[in-house]
Amino acid sequence: MAKNVNAKIQRITEGTLIVGVDIAKHTHVARSVDWRGIELGKPLSFENTRSGLESLERWLEELKRSHAKDELLVGMEPTGHYWMALAQYLRQRDIPAVHVNPSHVKKSKELDDNSPTKNDVKDALTIARLVKDGRYAEPIIPFGVYAELRGGMNQRERLVEDMHRAKGRIHNWLDRFFPEFVPTVFKEWDGKAALAILRKAWLPVDISEMEPEQVVHMWRAADIKRGVGLKAARKLVNAAQGSIGLREGSTMARQELQILMSQYDLIQQQLDQLEVQIAELLTEIPGAMQMLRIPGLGLSTVAGFLAEVGDLSLFTSWHQIRKLAGLNLKEDSSGMHKGKTIISKRGRSRLRALLYRGVFFLVATNPEFKLLHKHFKTRVGNPLKPKQSLVALCGKLIRILFTMGTRHVDYNPVRALGPAYRPLTNQVA
């Protein structure tokens, strides 16, 4: 993986045919240039089908033969998910494919004709010339176990979103029909005893006519033997008798709760099964088991990190991963003006978010991260605000995970602190 622009430019020689592809849902457009940016051949429009991709391959071979080129480099915008089939097709034929930032295309499209006109043919040429100048990034296309892991984590994210929606709808139902359920009767509605009541789809009017012993019997039948008894059952019945919940539309209210609870149970079952599969996938990735043994770091953070980053051996430095996450620093300064230094946020927002969440829990449970967080906030020189400290620790976490994933070593608390901060170990966190 090329580390900087110079390395990317050096990759392009007189024998390289550079191709820019403007990606669309159904029909792509390709244009080619040489190492100086001079266009070669005519534009090609091809469909996103096997026959269309085969026509692109024939077009590329013809250009290579007619212009005496022996290497290929194809650049494209990562437009949604439409680029993936083309990238896979090219990879299977050992044709290197790279990404060009859509914002770069937008900003540089007027350089050739001084016109804001935008169309597929023009964008394809702009992409090709950006690639020629080394203004591209090498895509991380997962394969093997990493592709399975990314697919699993994508499914997990969607299921978590569905779970949040289901929980919100259950909250809505309780607020309308049994507002005393939480917190008057139960502290949380998703405890075992509370869920057993909700799965019965009982309205307050139903519970108010029951004896407390009947409620206890139902809990015992559901194998709930601890934490609730006759006292809790009386509390539930009394709350139901005095409930101010809605009473009209009771038939559909029961049906609504049955549907909501079936959705909740199904999503929870799917999440449990998926997490078992994700845990099994992690056993196949070098260094993943060592990462899971970091105090305070959970399965979702490790799996999410590896799903987004892929094979760590493809990176030469942890700085590349920090840039991939958009956690590298940027500064807006000119002349006497000194602007603030902030993170660029030019990268994978999902990776950035999961690292931040992971660090948030680490500073609460991991002694080393807790100590570093305290030091960053209270040091004499350049103390950081709490959020700035968490962002700085995201870089620390990346470095630790990268080292463990590439060297396959266990977590070392002393090395985690680093030589500059080891005297802090004598302090009380």
Foldseek 3Di string as FASTA:
>chain_A
DDDDLVSLLVVADQQEKFKFWEFDQFKIKIWIDGLVLHTDDDIDIFTPDPVRLVVVVVVVVVRCVVSVHDAYEYEYAPDPPRCVSSCVVCVVVVHFYWYAYPVQLQVCLCVPPVDNDDDRHSSRSSRRVCSSSSRTGRDDDADDLLQVLLVLLVVLVVLVVLLVVLVVVVVVLCVAFPVCLPPQLPVDCPDPLNLLVLLVLDTLVRLLPDQLVVSQVSCVVVVNDPDDDSVSSVSSNVSSVPGPHDDPPSVVSSVVSNVSSVSNVVSVVVNVVSLVVSVVSQVVAFLLVLVCPQKQAHSSLSSQLCSRPPQLVVDPALVVVCVQQQLDWDWDDDDPDGGDIGGRRPHDPSNVVSLLVSLVRCLVTPPLSVLQLVCQQDPPPNRDDNVVSSSVVSSLVSRQSSCCRVVVDHDDSQVSNPPVRNVSVVPDD
